[in-house]
Amino acid sequence: MRGMEWSPTGRVFTTRSGEPLDAANVRRDFKAIVKKAGLELEWTPRELRHSFVSLLSDHGIPFERIALLVGHSSQATTEAVYRKQLRPVITEGAEAMDEIFADDDGEADALGA
């Protein structure tokens, strides 16, 4: 550790000496944390990202906001990458279609029958 020689760089996460983290650093440290927590060693930082998106989506956060939070330049990228995690929007769409095509009793009408 550099101690007094270390100078802040504006980075949120760095090595102990203040250098930028590389993917190998992150994977190694993450694996150690997962092991210490007693979790399955298959967990990776990518699963955390997918969990983050899933939780936001499950709580009704709009695509646009999720795209910003995960650093995508467009909503289309978020939709393509995280399609499986974006359940509430799909559910809302299905519920809207049920309302649109409901008969007078409030029941979904199968193909207008």
PDB file of N, CA and C in Angstrom:
ATOM      1  N   MET A   1       0.846  -1.182   0.000  1.00  0.00           N
ATOM      2  CA  MET A   1       0.000   0.000   0.000  1.00  0.00           C
ATOM      3  C   MET A   1       0.890   1.245   0.000  1.00  0.00           C
ATOM      4  N   ARG A   2       0.505   2.226  -0.759  1.00  0.00           N
ATOM      5  CA  ARG A   2       1.350   3.408  -0.922  1.00  0.00           C
ATOM      6  C   ARG A   2       1.258   4.395   0.237  1.00  0.00           C
ATOM      7  N   GLY A   3       0.203   4.292   1.033  1.00  0.00           N
ATOM      8  CA  GLY A   3       0.080   5.200   2.175  1.00  0.00           C
ATOM      9  C   GLY A   3      -0.024   6.644   1.744  1.00  0.00           C
ATOM     10  N   MET A   4       0.886   7.469   2.188  1.00  0.00           N
ATOM     11  CA  MET A   4       0.839   8.906   1.918  1.00  0.00           C
ATOM     12  C   MET A   4       1.046   9.233   0.439  1.00  0.00           C
ATOM     13  N   GLU A   5       1.644   8.335  -0.340  1.00  0.00           N
ATOM     14  CA  GLU A   5       1.853   8.584  -1.749  1.00  0.00           C
ATOM     15  C   GLU A   5       0.572   8.486  -2.563  1.00  0.00           C
ATOM     16  N   TRP A   6      -0.420   7.778  -2.018  1.00  0.00           N
ATOM     17  CA  TRP A   6      -1.672   7.570  -2.745  1.00  0.00           C
ATOM     18  C   TRP A   6      -2.397   8.894  -2.900  1.00  0.00           C
ATOM     19  N   SER A   7      -2.928   9.148  -4.093  1.00  0.00           N
ATOM     20  CA  SER A   7      -3.694  10.369  -4.292  1.00  0.00           C
ATOM     21  C   SER A   7      -5.048  10.003  -4.911  1.00  0.00           C
ATOM     22  N   PRO A   8      -6.098  10.680  -4.479  1.00  0.00           N
ATOM     23  CA  PRO A   8      -7.424  10.379  -5.010  1.00  0.00           C
ATOM     24  C   PRO A   8      -7.498  10.664  -6.506  1.00  0.00           C
ATOM     25  N   THR A   9      -8.199   9.809  -7.209  1.00  0.00           N
ATOM     26  CA  THR A   9      -8.304   9.962  -8.663  1.00  0.00           C
ATOM     27  C   THR A   9      -9.736  10.250  -9.105  1.00  0.00           C
ATOM     28  N   GLY A  10     -10.656  10.263  -8.150  1.00  0.00           N
ATOM     29  CA  GLY A  10     -12.048  10.449  -8.516  1.00  0.00           C
ATOM     30  C   GLY A  10     -12.754   9.133  -8.791  1.00  0.00           C
ATOM     31  N   ARG A  11     -12.022   8.034  -8.726  1.00  0.00           N
ATOM     32  CA  ARG A  11     -12.622   6.720  -8.944  1.00  0.00           C
ATOM     33  C   ARG A  11     -13.341   6.274  -7.680  1.00  0.00           C
ATOM     34  N   VAL A  12     -14.424   5.558  -7.849  1.00  0.00           N
ATOM     35  CA  VAL A  12     -15.159   5.036  -6.702  1.00  0.00           C
ATOM     36  C   VAL A  12     -14.468   3.796  -6.156  1.00  0.00           C
ATOM     37  N   PHE A  13     -14.052   2.895  -7.048  1.00  0.00           N
ATOM     38  CA  PHE A  13     -13.395   1.663  -6.637  1.00  0.00           C
ATOM     39  C   PHE A  13     -12.014   1.599  -7.276  1.00  0.00           C
ATOM     40  N   THR A  14     -11.021   1.311  -6.457  1.00  0.00           N
ATOM     41  CA  THR A  14      -9.653   1.195  -6.945  1.00  0.00           C
ATOM     42  C   THR A  14      -8.967   0.022  -6.253  1.00  0.00           C
ATOM     43  N   THR A  15      -7.756  -0.298  -6.724  1.00  0.00           N
ATOM     44  CA  THR A  15      -6.929  -1.258  -6.002  1.00  0.00           C
ATOM     45  C   THR A  15      -6.482  -0.581  -4.710  1.00  0.00           C
ATOM     46  N   ARG A  16      -5.812  -1.326  -3.858  1.00  0.00           N
ATOM     47  CA  ARG A  16      -5.348  -0.733  -2.587  1.00  0.00           C
ATOM     48  C   ARG A  16      -4.385   0.433  -2.817  1.00  0.00           C
ATOM     49  N   SER A  17      -3.716   0.420  -3.963  1.00  0.00           N
ATOM     50  CA  SER A  17      -2.753   1.487  -4.249  1.00  0.00           C
ATOM     51  C   SER A  17      -3.369   2.640  -5.029  1.00  0.00           C
ATOM     52  N   GLY A  18      -4.676   2.564  -5.304  1.00  0.00           N
ATOM     53  CA  GLY A  18      -5.341   3.663  -5.992  1.00  0.00           C
ATOM     54  C   GLY A  18      -5.412   3.521  -7.494  1.00  0.00           C
ATOM     55  N   GLU A  19      -4.923   2.400  -8.020  1.00  0.00           N
ATOM     56  CA  GLU A  19      -4.958   2.156  -9.458  1.00  0.00           C
ATOM     57  C   GLU A  19      -6.348   1.694  -9.876  1.00  0.00           C
ATOM     58  N   PRO A  20      -6.689   1.842 -11.163  1.00  0.00           N
ATOM     59  CA  PRO A  20      -8.002   1.371 -11.633  1.00  0.00           C
ATOM     60  C   PRO A  20      -8.118  -0.141 -11.479  1.00  0.00           C
ATOM     61  N   LEU A  21      -9.309  -0.597 -11.162  1.00  0.00           N
ATOM     62  CA  LEU A  21      -9.559  -2.033 -11.098  1.00  0.00           C
ATOM     63  C   LEU A  21      -9.669  -2.593 -12.502  1.00  0.00           C
ATOM     64  N   ASP A  22      -9.148  -3.793 -12.691  1.00  0.00           N
ATOM     65  CA  ASP A  22      -9.401  -4.478 -13.955  1.00  0.00           C
ATOM     66  C   ASP A  22     -10.352  -5.638 -13.669  1.00  0.00           C
ATOM     67  N   ALA A  23     -10.839  -6.274 -14.710  1.00  0.00           N
ATOM     68  CA  ALA A  23     -11.829  -7.339 -14.563  1.00  0.00           C
ATOM     69  C   ALA A  23     -11.310  -8.471 -13.682  1.00  0.00           C
ATOM     70  N   ALA A  24     -10.047  -8.803 -13.792  1.00  0.00           N
ATOM     71  CA  ALA A  24      -9.480  -9.887 -12.979  1.00  0.00           C
ATOM     72  C   ALA A  24      -9.528  -9.540 -11.495  1.00  0.00           C
ATOM     73  N   ASN A  25      -9.224  -8.275 -11.140  1.00  0.00           N
ATOM     74  CA  ASN A  25      -9.309  -7.839  -9.742  1.00  0.00           C
ATOM     75  C   ASN A  25     -10.728  -8.012  -9.213  1.00  0.00           C
ATOM     76  N   VAL A  26     -11.681  -7.552  -9.987  1.00  0.00           N
ATOM     77  CA  VAL A  26     -13.082  -7.596  -9.564  1.00  0.00           C
ATOM     78  C   VAL A  26     -13.544  -9.038  -9.383  1.00  0.00           C
ATOM     79  N   ARG A  27     -13.253  -9.892 -10.360  1.00  0.00           N
ATOM     80  CA  ARG A  27     -13.672 -11.300 -10.257  1.00  0.00           C
ATOM     81  C   ARG A  27     -13.038 -11.992  -9.054  1.00  0.00           C
ATOM     82  N   ARG A  28     -11.762 -11.779  -8.839  1.00  0.00           N
ATOM     83  CA  ARG A  28     -11.057 -12.409  -7.713  1.00  0.00           C
ATOM     84  C   ARG A  28     -11.655 -11.962  -6.380  1.00  0.00           C
ATOM     85  N   ASP A  29     -11.817 -10.663  -6.208  1.00  0.00           N
ATOM     86  CA  ASP A  29     -12.359 -10.149  -4.946  1.00  0.00           C
ATOM     87  C   ASP A  29     -13.804 -10.572  -4.752  1.00  0.00           C
ATOM     88  N   PHE A  30     -14.579 -10.569  -5.828  1.00  0.00           N
ATOM     89  CA  PHE A  30     -15.979 -10.973  -5.737  1.00  0.00           C
ATOM     90  C   PHE A  30     -16.084 -12.444  -5.345  1.00  0.00           C
ATOM     91  N   LYS A  31     -15.244 -13.277  -5.940  1.00  0.00           N
ATOM     92  CA  LYS A  31     -15.256 -14.707  -5.622  1.00  0.00           C
ATOM     93  C   LYS A  31     -14.941 -14.927  -4.142  1.00  0.00           C
ATOM     94  N   ALA A  32     -13.992 -14.181  -3.601  1.00  0.00           N
ATOM     95  CA  ALA A  32     -13.645 -14.299  -2.183  1.00  0.00           C
ATOM     96  C   ALA A  32     -14.826 -13.897  -1.298  1.00  0.00           C
ATOM     97  N   ILE A  33     -15.532 -12.856  -1.683  1.00  0.00           N
ATOM     98  CA  ILE A  33     -16.698 -12.398  -0.914  1.00  0.00           C
ATOM     99  C   ILE A  33     -17.816 -13.437  -0.967  1.00  0.00           C
ATOM    100  N   VAL A  34     -18.062 -13.989  -2.148  1.00  0.00           N
ATOM    101  CA  VAL A  34     -19.099 -15.006  -2.318  1.00  0.00           C
ATOM    102  C   VAL A  34     -18.782 -16.227  -1.458  1.00  0.00           C
ATOM    103  N   LYS A  35     -17.519 -16.646  -1.481  1.00  0.00           N
ATOM    104  CA  LYS A  35     -17.100 -17.809  -0.693  1.00  0.00           C
ATOM    105  C   LYS A  35     -17.280 -17.538   0.798  1.00  0.00           C
ATOM    106  N   LYS A  36     -16.852 -16.374   1.242  1.00  0.00           N
ATOM    107  CA  LYS A  36     -16.967 -16.014   2.657  1.00  0.00           C
ATOM    108  C   LYS A  36     -18.425 -15.948   3.098  1.00  0.00           C
ATOM    109  N   ALA A  37     -19.315 -15.535   2.187  1.00  0.00           N
ATOM    110  CA  ALA A  37     -20.745 -15.445   2.490  1.00  0.00           C
ATOM    111  C   ALA A  37     -21.431 -16.808   2.466  1.00  0.00           C
ATOM    112  N   GLY A  38     -20.708 -17.839   1.993  1.00  0.00           N
ATOM    113  CA  GLY A  38     -21.280 -19.179   1.943  1.00  0.00           C
ATOM    114  C   GLY A  38     -22.233 -19.393   0.782  1.00  0.00           C
ATOM    115  N   LEU A  39     -22.108 -18.572  -0.255  1.00  0.00           N
ATOM    116  CA  LEU A  39     -22.958 -18.698  -1.440  1.00  0.00           C
ATOM    117  C   LEU A  39     -22.310 -19.636  -2.456  1.00  0.00           C
ATOM    118  N   GLU A  40     -23.102 -20.048  -3.436  1.00  0.00           N
ATOM    119  CA  GLU A  40     -22.568 -20.885  -4.506  1.00  0.00           C
ATOM    120  C   GLU A  40     -21.512 -20.099  -5.277  1.00  0.00           C
ATOM    121  N   LEU A  41     -20.407 -20.747  -5.561  1.00  0.00           N
ATOM    122  CA  LEU A  41     -19.288 -20.051  -6.203  1.00  0.00           C
ATOM    123  C   LEU A  41     -19.558 -19.656  -7.646  1.00  0.00           C
ATOM    124  N   GLU A  42     -20.679 -20.084  -8.207  1.00  0.00           N
ATOM    125  CA  GLU A  42     -21.006 -19.722  -9.591  1.00  0.00           C
ATOM    126  C   GLU A  42     -21.443 -18.261  -9.715  1.00  0.00           C
ATOM    127  N   TRP A  43     -21.741 -17.598  -8.596  1.00  0.00           N
ATOM    128  CA  TRP A  43     -22.169 -16.206  -8.644  1.00  0.00           C
ATOM    129  C   TRP A  43     -21.053 -15.333  -9.216  1.00  0.00           C
ATOM    130  N   THR A  44     -21.434 -14.386 -10.058  1.00  0.00           N
ATOM    131  CA  THR A  44     -20.487 -13.441 -10.639  1.00  0.00           C
ATOM    132  C   THR A  44     -21.065 -12.032 -10.528  1.00  0.00           C
ATOM    133  N   PRO A  45     -20.251 -11.005 -10.754  1.00  0.00           N
ATOM    134  CA  PRO A  45     -20.792  -9.644 -10.756  1.00  0.00           C
ATOM    135  C   PRO A  45     -21.941  -9.471 -11.761  1.00  0.00           C
ATOM    136  N   ARG A  46     -21.913 -10.241 -12.845  1.00  0.00           N
ATOM    137  CA  ARG A  46     -22.985 -10.149 -13.848  1.00  0.00           C
ATOM    138  C   ARG A  46     -24.334 -10.521 -13.249  1.00  0.00           C
ATOM    139  N   GLU A  47     -24.366 -11.551 -12.385  1.00  0.00           N
ATOM    140  CA  GLU A  47     -25.622 -11.929 -11.746  1.00  0.00           C
ATOM    141  C   GLU A  47     -26.154 -10.807 -10.858  1.00  0.00           C
ATOM    142  N   LEU A  48     -25.259 -10.073 -10.220  1.00  0.00           N
ATOM    143  CA  LEU A  48     -25.701  -8.932  -9.411  1.00  0.00           C
ATOM    144  C   LEU A  48     -26.360  -7.876 -10.283  1.00  0.00           C
ATOM    145  N   ARG A  49     -25.795  -7.648 -11.442  1.00  0.00           N
ATOM    146  CA  ARG A  49     -26.358  -6.659 -12.367  1.00  0.00           C
ATOM    147  C   ARG A  49     -27.749  -7.093 -12.825  1.00  0.00           C
ATOM    148  N   HIS A  50     -27.893  -8.376 -13.169  1.00  0.00           N
ATOM    149  CA  HIS A  50     -29.191  -8.885 -13.596  1.00  0.00           C
ATOM    150  C   HIS A  50     -30.199  -8.827 -12.444  1.00  0.00           C
ATOM    151  N   SER A  51     -29.743  -9.132 -11.233  1.00  0.00           N
ATOM    152  CA  SER A  51     -30.632  -9.043 -10.068  1.00  0.00           C
ATOM    153  C   SER A  51     -31.081  -7.606  -9.850  1.00  0.00           C
ATOM    154  N   PHE A  52     -30.170  -6.664 -10.001  1.00  0.00           N
ATOM    155  CA  PHE A  52     -30.477  -5.240  -9.866  1.00  0.00           C
ATOM    156  C   PHE A  52     -31.579  -4.837 -10.843  1.00  0.00           C
ATOM    157  N   VAL A  53     -31.419  -5.225 -12.107  1.00  0.00           N
ATOM    158  CA  VAL A  53     -32.418  -4.910 -13.128  1.00  0.00           C
ATOM    159  C   VAL A  53     -33.751  -5.571 -12.798  1.00  0.00           C
ATOM    160  N   SER A  54     -33.711  -6.832 -12.379  1.00  0.00           N
ATOM    161  CA  SER A  54     -34.938  -7.558 -12.037  1.00  0.00           C
ATOM    162  C   SER A  54     -35.689  -6.877 -10.905  1.00  0.00           C
ATOM    163  N   LEU A  55     -34.964  -6.506  -9.859  1.00  0.00           N
ATOM    164  CA  LEU A  55     -35.610  -5.861  -8.714  1.00  0.00           C
ATOM    165  C   LEU A  55     -36.236  -4.519  -9.107  1.00  0.00           C
ATOM    166  N   LEU A  56     -35.520  -3.740  -9.888  1.00  0.00           N
ATOM    167  CA  LEU A  56     -36.078  -2.457 -10.334  1.00  0.00           C
ATOM    168  C   LEU A  56     -37.331  -2.685 -11.179  1.00  0.00           C
ATOM    169  N   SER A  57     -37.228  -3.616 -12.101  1.00  0.00           N
ATOM    170  CA  SER A  57     -38.347  -3.919 -12.983  1.00  0.00           C
ATOM    171  C   SER A  57     -39.546  -4.432 -12.193  1.00  0.00           C
ATOM    172  N   ASP A  58     -39.300  -5.342 -11.254  1.00  0.00           N
ATOM    173  CA  ASP A  58     -40.373  -5.905 -10.438  1.00  0.00           C
ATOM    174  C   ASP A  58     -41.085  -4.847  -9.600  1.00  0.00           C
ATOM    175  N   HIS A  59     -40.407  -3.734  -9.361  1.00  0.00           N
ATOM    176  CA  HIS A  59     -41.019  -2.653  -8.587  1.00  0.00           C
ATOM    177  C   HIS A  59     -41.500  -1.502  -9.468  1.00  0.00           C
ATOM    178  N   GLY A  60     -41.653  -1.790 -10.750  1.00  0.00           N
ATOM    179  CA  GLY A  60     -42.293  -0.829 -11.651  1.00  0.00           C
ATOM    180  C   GLY A  60     -41.450   0.332 -12.128  1.00  0.00           C
ATOM    181  N   ILE A  61     -40.140   0.243 -11.988  1.00  0.00           N
ATOM    182  CA  ILE A  61     -39.281   1.317 -12.487  1.00  0.00           C
ATOM    183  C   ILE A  61     -39.303   1.256 -14.015  1.00  0.00           C
ATOM    184  N   PRO A  62     -39.549   2.391 -14.683  1.00  0.00           N
ATOM    185  CA  PRO A  62     -39.644   2.395 -16.157  1.00  0.00           C
ATOM    186  C   PRO A  62     -38.332   2.000 -16.847  1.00  0.00           C
ATOM    187  N   PHE A  63     -38.462   1.419 -18.042  1.00  0.00           N
ATOM    188  CA  PHE A  63     -37.305   1.027 -18.854  1.00  0.00           C
ATOM    189  C   PHE A  63     -36.282   2.150 -18.960  1.00  0.00           C
ATOM    190  N   GLU A  64     -36.773   3.355 -19.217  1.00  0.00           N
ATOM    191  CA  GLU A  64     -35.878   4.496 -19.448  1.00  0.00           C
ATOM    192  C   GLU A  64     -34.971   4.720 -18.244  1.00  0.00           C
ATOM    193  N   ARG A  65     -35.553   4.633 -17.063  1.00  0.00           N
ATOM    194  CA  ARG A  65     -34.785   4.862 -15.835  1.00  0.00           C
ATOM    195  C   ARG A  65     -33.781   3.726 -15.602  1.00  0.00           C
ATOM    196  N   ILE A  66     -34.224   2.494 -15.835  1.00  0.00           N
ATOM    197  CA  ILE A  66     -33.326   1.346 -15.677  1.00  0.00           C
ATOM    198  C   ILE A  66     -32.152   1.471 -16.641  1.00  0.00           C
ATOM    199  N   ALA A  67     -32.441   1.873 -17.885  1.00  0.00           N
ATOM    200  CA  ALA A  67     -31.376   2.048 -18.882  1.00  0.00           C
ATOM    201  C   ALA A  67     -30.328   3.043 -18.393  1.00  0.00           C
ATOM    202  N   LEU A  68     -30.779   4.142 -17.810  1.00  0.00           N
ATOM    203  CA  LEU A  68     -29.840   5.133 -17.278  1.00  0.00           C
ATOM    204  C   LEU A  68     -29.020   4.558 -16.124  1.00  0.00           C
ATOM    205  N   LEU A  69     -29.692   3.836 -15.237  1.00  0.00           N
ATOM    206  CA  LEU A  69     -29.014   3.299 -14.053  1.00  0.00           C
ATOM    207  C   LEU A  69     -27.970   2.243 -14.388  1.00  0.00           C
ATOM    208  N   VAL A  70     -28.182   1.478 -15.457  1.00  0.00           N
ATOM    209  CA  VAL A  70     -27.197   0.459 -15.827  1.00  0.00           C
ATOM    210  C   VAL A  70     -26.216   0.963 -16.878  1.00  0.00           C
ATOM    211  N   GLY A  71     -26.357   2.217 -17.280  1.00  0.00           N
ATOM    212  CA  GLY A  71     -25.375   2.826 -18.166  1.00  0.00           C
ATOM    213  C   GLY A  71     -25.559   2.562 -19.644  1.00  0.00           C
ATOM    214  N   HIS A  72     -26.762   2.165 -20.042  1.00  0.00           N
ATOM    215  CA  HIS A  72     -27.007   1.958 -21.468  1.00  0.00           C
ATOM    216  C   HIS A  72     -27.341   3.286 -22.135  1.00  0.00           C
ATOM    217  N   SER A  73     -26.907   3.427 -23.382  1.00  0.00           N
ATOM    218  CA  SER A  73     -27.162   4.668 -24.105  1.00  0.00           C
ATOM    219  C   SER A  73     -28.587   4.737 -24.638  1.00  0.00           C
ATOM    220  N   SER A  74     -29.253   3.573 -24.705  1.00  0.00           N
ATOM    221  CA  SER A  74     -30.634   3.589 -25.177  1.00  0.00           C
ATOM    222  C   SER A  74     -31.473   2.551 -24.452  1.00  0.00           C
ATOM    223  N   GLN A  75     -32.760   2.821 -24.410  1.00  0.00           N
ATOM    224  CA  GLN A  75     -33.724   1.907 -23.810  1.00  0.00           C
ATOM    225  C   GLN A  75     -33.768   0.590 -24.584  1.00  0.00           C
ATOM    226  N   ALA A  76     -33.547   0.644 -25.886  1.00  0.00           N
ATOM    227  CA  ALA A  76     -33.581  -0.561 -26.724  1.00  0.00           C
ATOM    228  C   ALA A  76     -32.521  -1.571 -26.283  1.00  0.00           C
ATOM    229  N   THR A  77     -31.349  -1.085 -25.906  1.00  0.00           N
ATOM    230  CA  THR A  77     -30.297  -1.976 -25.428  1.00  0.00           C
ATOM    231  C   THR A  77     -30.744  -2.678 -24.156  1.00  0.00           C
ATOM    232  N   THR A  78     -31.316  -1.920 -23.245  1.00  0.00           N
ATOM    233  CA  THR A  78     -31.794  -2.497 -21.984  1.00  0.00           C
ATOM    234  C   THR A  78     -32.857  -3.557 -22.249  1.00  0.00           C
ATOM    235  N   GLU A  79     -33.792  -3.252 -23.129  1.00  0.00           N
ATOM    236  CA  GLU A  79     -34.851  -4.210 -23.451  1.00  0.00           C
ATOM    237  C   GLU A  79     -34.275  -5.476 -24.063  1.00  0.00           C
ATOM    238  N   ALA A  80     -33.292  -5.340 -24.950  1.00  0.00           N
ATOM    239  CA  ALA A  80     -32.704  -6.507 -25.617  1.00  0.00           C
ATOM    240  C   ALA A  80     -31.908  -7.372 -24.644  1.00  0.00           C
ATOM    241  N   VAL A  81     -31.114  -6.744 -23.786  1.00  0.00           N
ATOM    242  CA  VAL A  81     -30.238  -7.481 -22.878  1.00  0.00           C
ATOM    243  C   VAL A  81     -31.003  -8.095 -21.708  1.00  0.00           C
ATOM    244  N   TYR A  82     -31.983  -7.362 -21.194  1.00  0.00           N
ATOM    245  CA  TYR A  82     -32.660  -7.785 -19.968  1.00  0.00           C
ATOM    246  C   TYR A  82     -34.124  -8.161 -20.190  1.00  0.00           C
ATOM    247  N   ARG A  83     -34.439  -8.614 -21.376  1.00  0.00           N
ATOM    248  CA  ARG A  83     -35.825  -8.946 -21.726  1.00  0.00           C
ATOM    249  C   ARG A  83     -36.479  -9.843 -20.681  1.00  0.00           C
ATOM    250  N   LYS A  84     -35.772 -10.866 -20.220  1.00  0.00           N
ATOM    251  CA  LYS A  84     -36.347 -11.820 -19.253  1.00  0.00           C
ATOM    252  C   LYS A  84     -36.582 -11.187 -17.886  1.00  0.00           C
ATOM    253  N   GLN A  85     -35.786 -10.180 -17.537  1.00  0.00           N
ATOM    254  CA  GLN A  85     -35.928  -9.550 -16.232  1.00  0.00           C
ATOM    255  C   GLN A  85     -37.018  -8.480 -16.195  1.00  0.00           C
ATOM    256  N   LEU A  86     -37.490  -8.052 -17.342  1.00  0.00           N
ATOM    257  CA  LEU A  86     -38.422  -6.923 -17.401  1.00  0.00           C
ATOM    258  C   LEU A  86     -39.876  -7.393 -17.403  1.00  0.00           C
ATOM    259  N   ARG A  87     -40.276  -8.102 -16.367  1.00  0.00           N
ATOM    260  CA  ARG A  87     -41.586  -8.731 -16.290  1.00  0.00           C
ATOM    261  C   ARG A  87     -42.753  -7.773 -16.082  1.00  0.00           C
ATOM    262  N   PRO A  88     -42.679  -6.791 -15.200  1.00  0.00           N
ATOM    263  CA  PRO A  88     -43.862  -5.967 -14.939  1.00  0.00           C
ATOM    264  C   PRO A  88     -44.435  -5.298 -16.174  1.00  0.00           C
ATOM    265  N   VAL A  89     -43.577  -4.869 -17.076  1.00  0.00           N
ATOM    266  CA  VAL A  89     -44.067  -4.203 -18.279  1.00  0.00           C
ATOM    267  C   VAL A  89     -44.844  -5.191 -19.140  1.00  0.00           C
ATOM    268  N   ILE A  90     -44.344  -6.408 -19.253  1.00  0.00           N
ATOM    269  CA  ILE A  90     -45.043  -7.438 -20.019  1.00  0.00           C
ATOM    270  C   ILE A  90     -46.378  -7.746 -19.355  1.00  0.00           C
ATOM    271  N   THR A  91     -46.369  -7.875 -18.025  1.00  0.00           N
ATOM    272  CA  THR A  91     -47.597  -8.151 -17.281  1.00  0.00           C
ATOM    273  C   THR A  91     -48.593  -7.017 -17.459  1.00  0.00           C
ATOM    274  N   GLU A  92     -48.120  -5.775 -17.369  1.00  0.00           N
ATOM    275  CA  GLU A  92     -49.007  -4.628 -17.552  1.00  0.00           C
ATOM    276  C   GLU A  92     -49.616  -4.643 -18.947  1.00  0.00           C
ATOM    277  N   GLY A  93     -48.822  -5.008 -19.946  1.00  0.00           N
ATOM    278  CA  GLY A  93     -49.333  -5.079 -21.314  1.00  0.00           C
ATOM    279  C   GLY A  93     -50.416  -6.132 -21.442  1.00  0.00           C
ATOM    280  N   ALA A  94     -50.198  -7.289 -20.840  1.00  0.00           N
ATOM    281  CA  ALA A  94     -51.195  -8.367 -20.889  1.00  0.00           C
ATOM    282  C   ALA A  94     -52.467  -7.951 -20.160  1.00  0.00           C
ATOM    283  N   GLU A  95     -52.333  -7.297 -19.011  1.00  0.00           N
ATOM    284  CA  GLU A  95     -53.508  -6.842 -18.263  1.00  0.00           C
ATOM    285  C   GLU A  95     -54.283  -5.789 -19.057  1.00  0.00           C
ATOM    286  N   ALA A  96     -53.559  -4.898 -19.743  1.00  0.00           N
ATOM    287  CA  ALA A  96     -54.225  -3.890 -20.566  1.00  0.00           C
ATOM    288  C   ALA A  96     -55.006  -4.541 -21.696  1.00  0.00           C
ATOM    289  N   MET A  97     -54.405  -5.554 -22.324  1.00  0.00           N
ATOM    290  CA  MET A  97     -55.114  -6.255 -23.404  1.00  0.00           C
ATOM    291  C   MET A  97     -56.351  -6.968 -22.860  1.00  0.00           C
ATOM    292  N   ASP A  98     -56.269  -7.546 -21.662  1.00  0.00           N
ATOM    293  CA  ASP A  98     -57.444  -8.174 -21.046  1.00  0.00           C
ATOM    294  C   ASP A  98     -58.563  -7.151 -20.864  1.00  0.00           C
ATOM    295  N   GLU A  99     -58.195  -5.948 -20.408  1.00  0.00           N
ATOM    296  CA  GLU A  99     -59.209  -4.902 -20.210  1.00  0.00           C
ATOM    297  C   GLU A  99     -59.811  -4.459 -21.541  1.00  0.00           C
ATOM    298  N   ILE A 100     -58.974  -4.314 -22.531  1.00  0.00           N
ATOM    299  CA  ILE A 100     -59.443  -3.860 -23.847  1.00  0.00           C
ATOM    300  C   ILE A 100     -60.433  -4.846 -24.445  1.00  0.00           C
ATOM    301  N   PHE A 101     -60.130  -6.138 -24.318  1.00  0.00           N
ATOM    302  CA  PHE A 101     -60.954  -7.147 -24.953  1.00  0.00           C
ATOM    303  C   PHE A 101     -61.927  -7.839 -24.000  1.00  0.00           C
ATOM    304  N   ALA A 102     -62.151  -7.263 -22.821  1.00  0.00           N
ATOM    305  CA  ALA A 102     -63.085  -7.867 -21.873  1.00  0.00           C
ATOM    306  C   ALA A 102     -64.519  -7.684 -22.369  1.00  0.00           C
ATOM    307  N   ASP A 103     -65.363  -8.671 -22.081  1.00  0.00           N
ATOM    308  CA  ASP A 103     -66.779  -8.532 -22.432  1.00  0.00           C
ATOM    309  C   ASP A 103     -67.467  -7.691 -21.358  1.00  0.00           C
ATOM    310  N   ASP A 104     -68.760  -7.564 -21.429  1.00  0.00           N
ATOM    311  CA  ASP A 104     -69.514  -6.713 -20.504  1.00  0.00           C
ATOM    312  C   ASP A 104     -69.427  -7.194 -19.053  1.00  0.00           C
ATOM    313  N   ASP A 105     -69.141  -8.481 -18.841  1.00  0.00           N
ATOM    314  CA  ASP A 105     -69.030  -9.031 -17.489  1.00  0.00           C
ATOM    315  C   ASP A 105     -67.634  -8.841 -16.907  1.00  0.00           C
ATOM    316  N   GLY A 106     -66.729  -8.241 -17.667  1.00  0.00           N
ATOM    317  CA  GLY A 106     -65.363  -8.043 -17.208  1.00  0.00           C
ATOM    318  C   GLY A 106     -64.464  -9.233 -17.487  1.00  0.00           C
ATOM    319  N   GLU A 107     -64.966 -10.250 -18.152  1.00  0.00           N
ATOM    320  CA  GLU A 107     -64.182 -11.431 -18.487  1.00  0.00           C
ATOM    321  C   GLU A 107     -63.544 -11.242 -19.853  1.00  0.00           C
ATOM    322  N   ALA A 108     -62.339 -11.770 -20.017  1.00  0.00           N
ATOM    323  CA  ALA A 108     -61.672 -11.692 -21.317  1.00  0.00           C
ATOM    324  C   ALA A 108     -62.496 -12.482 -22.332  1.00  0.00           C
ATOM    325  N   ASP A 109     -62.708 -11.887 -23.471  1.00  0.00           N
ATOM    326  CA  ASP A 109     -63.530 -12.483 -24.516  1.00  0.00           C
ATOM    327  C   ASP A 109     -62.621 -13.138 -25.537  1.00  0.00           C
ATOM    328  N   ALA A 110     -62.653 -14.451 -25.640  1.00  0.00           N
ATOM    329  CA  ALA A 110     -61.774 -15.190 -26.548  1.00  0.00           C
ATOM    330  C   ALA A 110     -62.141 -14.894 -27.998  1.00  0.00           C
ATOM    331  N   LEU A 111     -61.272 -14.147 -28.670  1.00  0.00           N
ATOM    332  CA  LEU A 111     -61.429 -13.823 -30.091  1.00  0.00           C
ATOM    333  C   LEU A 111     -62.822 -13.290 -30.440  1.00  0.00           C
ATOM    334  N   GLY A 112     -63.381 -12.514 -29.543  1.00  0.00           N
ATOM    335  CA  GLY A 112     -64.655 -11.862 -29.819  1.00  0.00           C
ATOM    336  C   GLY A 112     -65.852 -12.796 -29.774  1.00  0.00           C
ATOM    337  N   ALA A 113     -65.667 -14.017 -29.270  1.00  0.00           N
ATOM    338  CA  ALA A 113     -66.791 -14.974 -29.230  1.00  0.00           C
ATOM    339  C   ALA A 113     -67.748 -14.669 -28.126  1.00  0.00           C
TER     340      ALA A 113
END
